Amino acid sequence: AIGQISLASFTNEQGLQPVGGTAWKETFA
């Protein structure tokens, strides 16, 4: 084993801020 991928989860996914590049940023919401 040379590493393990980590995944993130959020209480409210609708509160994520789209930032382009098919990516999101964490927000207070």
PDB file of all heavy atoms in Angstrom:
ATOM      1  N   ALA A   1       0.849  -1.193   0.000  1.00  0.00           N
ATOM      2  CA  ALA A   1       0.000   0.000   0.000  1.00  0.00           C
ATOM      3  C   ALA A   1       0.884   1.242   0.000  1.00  0.00           C
ATOM      4  O   ALA A   1       1.853   1.323   0.765  1.00  0.00           O
ATOM      5  CB  ALA A   1      -0.908  -0.003   1.220  1.00  0.00           C
ATOM      6  N   ILE A   2       0.577   2.197  -0.874  1.00  0.00           N
ATOM      7  CA  ILE A   2       1.363   3.434  -0.932  1.00  0.00           C
ATOM      8  C   ILE A   2       0.505   4.653  -0.586  1.00  0.00           C
ATOM      9  O   ILE A   2       0.996   5.774  -0.613  1.00  0.00           O
ATOM     10  CB  ILE A   2       2.001   3.620  -2.321  1.00  0.00           C
ATOM     11  CG1 ILE A   2       0.929   3.659  -3.420  1.00  0.00           C
ATOM     12  CG2 ILE A   2       3.011   2.530  -2.604  1.00  0.00           C
ATOM     13  CD1 ILE A   2       1.493   3.969  -4.806  1.00  0.00           C
ATOM     14  N   GLY A   3      -0.743   4.422  -0.230  1.00  0.00           N
ATOM     15  CA  GLY A   3      -1.616   5.526   0.168  1.00  0.00           C
ATOM     16  C   GLY A   3      -3.071   5.126   0.055  1.00  0.00           C
ATOM     17  O   GLY A   3      -3.409   4.075  -0.506  1.00  0.00           O
ATOM     18  N   GLN A   4      -3.937   5.956   0.607  1.00  0.00           N
ATOM     19  CA  GLN A   4      -5.386   5.723   0.526  1.00  0.00           C
ATOM     20  C   GLN A   4      -6.102   7.036   0.265  1.00  0.00           C
ATOM     21  O   GLN A   4      -5.842   8.045   0.924  1.00  0.00           O
ATOM     22  CB  GLN A   4      -5.907   5.088   1.815  1.00  0.00           C
ATOM     23  CG  GLN A   4      -7.392   4.732   1.758  1.00  0.00           C
ATOM     24  CD  GLN A   4      -7.892   4.070   3.037  1.00  0.00           C
ATOM     25  OE1 GLN A   4      -7.363   4.309   4.119  1.00  0.00           O
ATOM     26  NE2 GLN A   4      -8.904   3.234   2.917  1.00  0.00           N
ATOM     27  N   ILE A   5      -6.997   7.012  -0.706  1.00  0.00           N
ATOM     28  CA  ILE A   5      -7.778   8.201  -1.067  1.00  0.00           C
ATOM     29  C   ILE A   5      -8.755   8.538   0.057  1.00  0.00           C
ATOM     30  O   ILE A   5      -9.350   7.647   0.675  1.00  0.00           O
ATOM     31  CB  ILE A   5      -8.528   7.955  -2.379  1.00  0.00           C
ATOM     32  CG1 ILE A   5      -7.528   7.724  -3.518  1.00  0.00           C
ATOM     33  CG2 ILE A   5      -9.471   9.105  -2.715  1.00  0.00           C
ATOM     34  CD1 ILE A   5      -8.116   7.048  -4.721  1.00  0.00           C
ATOM     35  N   SER A   6      -8.912   9.808   0.340  1.00  0.00           N
ATOM     36  CA  SER A   6      -9.881  10.263   1.335  1.00  0.00           C
ATOM     37  C   SER A   6     -11.051  10.940   0.625  1.00  0.00           C
ATOM     38  O   SER A   6     -10.867  11.607  -0.398  1.00  0.00           O
ATOM     39  CB  SER A   6      -9.227  11.250   2.301  1.00  0.00           C
ATOM     40  OG  SER A   6     -10.186  11.768   3.208  1.00  0.00           O
ATOM     41  N   LEU A   7     -12.244  10.751   1.171  1.00  0.00           N
ATOM     42  CA  LEU A   7     -13.438  11.415   0.647  1.00  0.00           C
ATOM     43  C   LEU A   7     -13.996  12.367   1.702  1.00  0.00           C
ATOM     44  O   LEU A   7     -13.822  12.164   2.906  1.00  0.00           O
ATOM     45  CB  LEU A   7     -14.514  10.389   0.265  1.00  0.00           C
ATOM     46  CG  LEU A   7     -14.191   9.424  -0.878  1.00  0.00           C
ATOM     47  CD1 LEU A   7     -15.382   8.523  -1.152  1.00  0.00           C
ATOM     48  CD2 LEU A   7     -13.783  10.169  -2.141  1.00  0.00           C
ATOM     49  N   ALA A   8     -14.659  13.424   1.224  1.00  0.00           N
ATOM     50  CA  ALA A   8     -15.265  14.417   2.109  1.00  0.00           C
ATOM     51  C   ALA A   8     -16.782  14.338   2.016  1.00  0.00           C
ATOM     52  O   ALA A   8     -17.342  14.012   0.962  1.00  0.00           O
ATOM     53  CB  ALA A   8     -14.796  15.822   1.733  1.00  0.00           C
ATOM     54  N   SER A   9     -17.436  14.624   3.119  1.00  0.00           N
ATOM     55  CA  SER A   9     -18.902  14.697   3.133  1.00  0.00           C
ATOM     56  C   SER A   9     -19.327  15.971   3.848  1.00  0.00           C
ATOM     57  O   SER A   9     -18.570  16.522   4.660  1.00  0.00           O
ATOM     58  CB  SER A   9     -19.499  13.468   3.836  1.00  0.00           C
ATOM     59  OG  SER A   9     -19.051  13.393   5.184  1.00  0.00           O
ATOM     60  N   PHE A  10     -20.548  16.457   3.538  1.00  0.00           N
ATOM     61  CA  PHE A  10     -21.061  17.694   4.114  1.00  0.00           C
ATOM     62  C   PHE A  10     -22.482  17.480   4.608  1.00  0.00           C
ATOM     63  O   PHE A  10     -23.251  16.704   4.019  1.00  0.00           O
ATOM     64  CB  PHE A  10     -21.041  18.821   3.076  1.00  0.00           C
ATOM     65  CG  PHE A  10     -19.660  19.191   2.603  1.00  0.00           C
ATOM     66  CD1 PHE A  10     -19.100  18.536   1.515  1.00  0.00           C
ATOM     67  CD2 PHE A  10     -18.932  20.165   3.256  1.00  0.00           C
ATOM     68  CE1 PHE A  10     -17.835  18.867   1.074  1.00  0.00           C
ATOM     69  CE2 PHE A  10     -17.656  20.497   2.819  1.00  0.00           C
ATOM     70  CZ  PHE A  10     -17.104  19.841   1.737  1.00  0.00           C
ATOM     71  N   THR A  11     -22.834  18.193   5.674  1.00  0.00           N
ATOM     72  CA  THR A  11     -24.194  18.119   6.204  1.00  0.00           C
ATOM     73  C   THR A  11     -25.192  18.674   5.201  1.00  0.00           C
ATOM     74  O   THR A  11     -26.276  18.126   5.001  1.00  0.00           O
ATOM     75  CB  THR A  11     -24.289  18.896   7.525  1.00  0.00           C
ATOM     76  OG1 THR A  11     -23.322  18.391   8.447  1.00  0.00           O
ATOM     77  CG2 THR A  11     -25.683  18.763   8.125  1.00  0.00           C
ATOM     78  N   ASN A  12     -24.822  19.773   4.537  1.00  0.00           N
ATOM     79  CA  ASN A  12     -25.697  20.413   3.555  1.00  0.00           C
ATOM     80  C   ASN A  12     -24.934  20.611   2.256  1.00  0.00           C
ATOM     81  O   ASN A  12     -24.239  21.621   2.079  1.00  0.00           O
ATOM     82  CB  ASN A  12     -26.212  21.751   4.097  1.00  0.00           C
ATOM     83  CG  ASN A  12     -27.055  22.499   3.071  1.00  0.00           C
ATOM     84  OD1 ASN A  12     -27.666  21.874   2.197  1.00  0.00           O
ATOM     85  ND2 ASN A  12     -27.088  23.816   3.170  1.00  0.00           N
ATOM     86  N   GLU A  13     -25.055  19.685   1.339  1.00  0.00           N
ATOM     87  CA  GLU A  13     -24.355  19.803   0.061  1.00  0.00           C
ATOM     88  C   GLU A  13     -24.843  20.999  -0.750  1.00  0.00           C
ATOM     89  O   GLU A  13     -24.082  21.578  -1.534  1.00  0.00           O
ATOM     90  CB  GLU A  13     -24.541  18.510  -0.754  1.00  0.00           C
ATOM     91  CG  GLU A  13     -23.867  17.297  -0.143  1.00  0.00           C
ATOM     92  CD  GLU A  13     -24.112  16.035  -0.946  1.00  0.00           C
ATOM     93  OE1 GLU A  13     -25.075  16.032  -1.749  1.00  0.00           O
ATOM     94  OE2 GLU A  13     -23.370  15.056  -0.769  1.00  0.00           O
ATOM     95  N   GLN A  14     -26.121  21.371  -0.566  1.00  0.00           N
ATOM     96  CA  GLN A  14     -26.658  22.511  -1.316  1.00  0.00           C
ATOM     97  C   GLN A  14     -25.983  23.825  -0.925  1.00  0.00           C
ATOM     98  O   GLN A  14     -26.067  24.809  -1.652  1.00  0.00           O
ATOM     99  CB  GLN A  14     -28.168  22.633  -1.090  1.00  0.00           C
ATOM    100  CG  GLN A  14     -28.980  21.505  -1.702  1.00  0.00           C
ATOM    101  CD  GLN A  14     -28.914  21.493  -3.218  1.00  0.00           C
ATOM    102  OE1 GLN A  14     -28.680  22.516  -3.843  1.00  0.00           O
ATOM    103  NE2 GLN A  14     -29.103  20.324  -3.822  1.00  0.00           N
ATOM    104  N   GLY A  15     -25.307  23.821   0.229  1.00  0.00           N
ATOM    105  CA  GLY A  15     -24.616  25.022   0.663  1.00  0.00           C
ATOM    106  C   GLY A  15     -23.236  25.189   0.064  1.00  0.00           C
ATOM    107  O   GLY A  15     -22.582  26.224   0.273  1.00  0.00           O
ATOM    108  N   LEU A  16     -22.759  24.215  -0.708  1.00  0.00           N
ATOM    109  CA  LEU A  16     -21.443  24.311  -1.336  1.00  0.00           C
ATOM    110  C   LEU A  16     -21.443  25.382  -2.427  1.00  0.00           C
ATOM    111  O   LEU A  16     -22.441  25.555  -3.130  1.00  0.00           O
ATOM    112  CB  LEU A  16     -21.039  22.958  -1.933  1.00  0.00           C
ATOM    113  CG  LEU A  16     -20.736  21.834  -0.932  1.00  0.00           C
ATOM    114  CD1 LEU A  16     -20.564  20.508  -1.663  1.00  0.00           C
ATOM    115  CD2 LEU A  16     -19.482  22.158  -0.128  1.00  0.00           C
ATOM    116  N   GLN A  17     -20.310  26.048  -2.575  1.00  0.00           N
ATOM    117  CA  GLN A  17     -20.179  27.115  -3.564  1.00  0.00           C
ATOM    118  C   GLN A  17     -19.449  26.599  -4.800  1.00  0.00           C
ATOM    119  O   GLN A  17     -18.280  26.228  -4.724  1.00  0.00           O
ATOM    120  CB  GLN A  17     -19.399  28.290  -2.972  1.00  0.00           C
ATOM    121  CG  GLN A  17     -19.117  29.408  -3.944  1.00  0.00           C
ATOM    122  CD  GLN A  17     -20.384  30.103  -4.417  1.00  0.00           C
ATOM    123  OE1 GLN A  17     -21.253  30.424  -3.617  1.00  0.00           O
ATOM    124  NE2 GLN A  17     -20.482  30.343  -5.715  1.00  0.00           N
ATOM    125  N   PRO A  18     -20.123  26.555  -5.976  1.00  0.00           N
ATOM    126  CA  PRO A  18     -19.420  26.145  -7.199  1.00  0.00           C
ATOM    127  C   PRO A  18     -18.322  27.152  -7.543  1.00  0.00           C
ATOM    128  O   PRO A  18     -18.545  28.366  -7.483  1.00  0.00           O
ATOM    129  CB  PRO A  18     -20.519  26.133  -8.269  1.00  0.00           C
ATOM    130  CG  PRO A  18     -21.812  26.099  -7.507  1.00  0.00           C
ATOM    131  CD  PRO A  18     -21.552  26.826  -6.240  1.00  0.00           C
ATOM    132  N   VAL A  19     -17.134  26.644  -7.892  1.00  0.00           N
ATOM    133  CA  VAL A  19     -16.015  27.537  -8.208  1.00  0.00           C
ATOM    134  C   VAL A  19     -15.436  27.249  -9.588  1.00  0.00           C
ATOM    135  O   VAL A  19     -14.369  27.759  -9.939  1.00  0.00           O
ATOM    136  CB  VAL A  19     -14.895  27.412  -7.144  1.00  0.00           C
ATOM    137  CG1 VAL A  19     -15.370  27.961  -5.807  1.00  0.00           C
ATOM    138  CG2 VAL A  19     -14.423  25.974  -7.005  1.00  0.00           C
ATOM    139  N   GLY A  20     -16.132  26.471 -10.399  1.00  0.00           N
ATOM    140  CA  GLY A  20     -15.647  26.146 -11.732  1.00  0.00           C
ATOM    141  C   GLY A  20     -14.701  24.958 -11.707  1.00  0.00           C
ATOM    142  O   GLY A  20     -14.238  24.521 -10.655  1.00  0.00           O
ATOM    143  N   GLY A  21     -14.432  24.429 -12.879  1.00  0.00           N
ATOM    144  CA  GLY A  21     -13.584  23.254 -12.945  1.00  0.00           C
ATOM    145  C   GLY A  21     -14.234  22.035 -12.321  1.00  0.00           C
ATOM    146  O   GLY A  21     -13.545  21.122 -11.854  1.00  0.00           O
ATOM    147  N   THR A  22     -15.568  22.004 -12.309  1.00  0.00           N
ATOM    148  CA  THR A  22     -16.344  20.929 -11.683  1.00  0.00           C
ATOM    149  C   THR A  22     -15.911  20.735 -10.235  1.00  0.00           C
ATOM    150  O   THR A  22     -15.714  19.609  -9.761  1.00  0.00           O
ATOM    151  CB  THR A  22     -16.187  19.600 -12.453  1.00  0.00           C
ATOM    152  OG1 THR A  22     -16.049  19.873 -13.832  1.00  0.00           O
ATOM    153  CG2 THR A  22     -17.422  18.719 -12.262  1.00  0.00           C
ATOM    154  N   ALA A  23     -15.760  21.845  -9.520  1.00  0.00           N
ATOM    155  CA  ALA A  23     -15.337  21.790  -8.123  1.00  0.00           C
ATOM    156  C   ALA A  23     -16.197  22.721  -7.288  1.00  0.00           C
ATOM    157  O   ALA A  23     -16.858  23.628  -7.805  1.00  0.00           O
ATOM    158  CB  ALA A  23     -13.859  22.166  -7.993  1.00  0.00           C
ATOM    159  N   TRP A  24     -16.186  22.460  -5.972  1.00  0.00           N
ATOM    160  CA  TRP A  24     -16.948  23.269  -5.029  1.00  0.00           C
ATOM    161  C   TRP A  24     -16.038  23.657  -3.871  1.00  0.00           C
ATOM    162  O   TRP A  24     -15.029  23.010  -3.601  1.00  0.00           O
ATOM    163  CB  TRP A  24     -18.153  22.496  -4.483  1.00  0.00           C
ATOM    164  CG  TRP A  24     -19.215  22.172  -5.477  1.00  0.00           C
ATOM    165  CD1 TRP A  24     -20.358  22.881  -5.721  1.00  0.00           C
ATOM    166  CD2 TRP A  24     -19.274  21.034  -6.347  1.00  0.00           C
ATOM    167  NE1 TRP A  24     -21.108  22.270  -6.692  1.00  0.00           N
ATOM    168  CE2 TRP A  24     -20.472  21.127  -7.102  1.00  0.00           C
ATOM    169  CE3 TRP A  24     -18.434  19.957  -6.584  1.00  0.00           C
ATOM    170  CZ2 TRP A  24     -20.840  20.185  -8.053  1.00  0.00           C
ATOM    171  CZ3 TRP A  24     -18.790  19.011  -7.526  1.00  0.00           C
ATOM    172  CH2 TRP A  24     -19.977  19.127  -8.250  1.00  0.00           C
ATOM    173  N   LYS A  25     -16.457  24.722  -3.179  1.00  0.00           N
ATOM    174  CA  LYS A  25     -15.767  25.165  -1.976  1.00  0.00           C
ATOM    175  C   LYS A  25     -16.711  25.066  -0.782  1.00  0.00           C
ATOM    176  O   LYS A  25     -17.936  25.215  -0.913  1.00  0.00           O
ATOM    177  CB  LYS A  25     -15.295  26.620  -2.126  1.00  0.00           C
ATOM    178  CG  LYS A  25     -14.102  26.821  -3.049  1.00  0.00           C
ATOM    179  CD  LYS A  25     -12.803  26.464  -2.357  1.00  0.00           C
ATOM    180  CE  LYS A  25     -11.610  26.890  -3.189  1.00  0.00           C
ATOM    181  NZ  LYS A  25     -10.330  26.597  -2.517  1.00  0.00           N
ATOM    182  N   GLU A  26     -16.124  24.838   0.363  1.00  0.00           N
ATOM    183  CA  GLU A  26     -16.892  24.799   1.609  1.00  0.00           C
ATOM    184  C   GLU A  26     -17.357  26.206   1.974  1.00  0.00           C
ATOM    185  O   GLU A  26     -16.631  27.182   1.788  1.00  0.00           O
ATOM    186  CB  GLU A  26     -15.995  24.229   2.704  1.00  0.00           C
ATOM    187  CG  GLU A  26     -16.596  24.229   4.091  1.00  0.00           C
ATOM    188  CD  GLU A  26     -15.591  23.800   5.140  1.00  0.00           C
ATOM    189  OE1 GLU A  26     -14.948  22.733   4.958  1.00  0.00           O
ATOM    190  OE2 GLU A  26     -15.430  24.524   6.139  1.00  0.00           O
ATOM    191  N   THR A  27     -18.596  26.327   2.489  1.00  0.00           N
ATOM    192  CA  THR A  27     -19.120  27.611   2.966  1.00  0.00           C
ATOM    193  C   THR A  27     -19.717  27.408   4.351  1.00  0.00           C
ATOM    194  O   THR A  27     -19.835  26.281   4.848  1.00  0.00           O
ATOM    195  CB  THR A  27     -20.209  28.160   2.024  1.00  0.00           C
ATOM    196  OG1 THR A  27     -21.367  27.305   2.093  1.00  0.00           O
ATOM    197  CG2 THR A  27     -19.714  28.249   0.585  1.00  0.00           C
ATOM    198  N   PHE A  28     -20.120  28.524   4.967  1.00  0.00           N
ATOM    199  CA  PHE A  28     -20.788  28.424   6.264  1.00  0.00           C
ATOM    200  C   PHE A  28     -22.075  27.623   6.155  1.00  0.00           C
ATOM    201  O   PHE A  28     -22.433  26.852   7.046  1.00  0.00           O
ATOM    202  CB  PHE A  28     -21.080  29.833   6.796  1.00  0.00           C
ATOM    203  CG  PHE A  28     -21.786  29.839   8.116  1.00  0.00           C
ATOM    204  CD1 PHE A  28     -21.089  29.638   9.300  1.00  0.00           C
ATOM    205  CD2 PHE A  28     -23.165  30.047   8.177  1.00  0.00           C
ATOM    206  CE1 PHE A  28     -21.765  29.634  10.519  1.00  0.00           C
ATOM    207  CE2 PHE A  28     -23.833  30.045   9.393  1.00  0.00           C
ATOM    208  CZ  PHE A  28     -23.126  29.842  10.565  1.00  0.00           C
ATOM    209  N   ALA A  29     -22.788  27.805   5.025  1.00  0.00           N
ATOM    210  CA  ALA A  29     -24.060  27.115   4.831  1.00  0.00           C
ATOM    211  C   ALA A  29     -23.875  25.602   4.652  1.00  0.00           C
ATOM    212  O   ALA A  29     -24.741  24.817   5.051  1.00  0.00           O
ATOM    213  CB  ALA A  29     -24.790  27.689   3.621  1.00  0.00           C
TER     214      ALA A  29
END
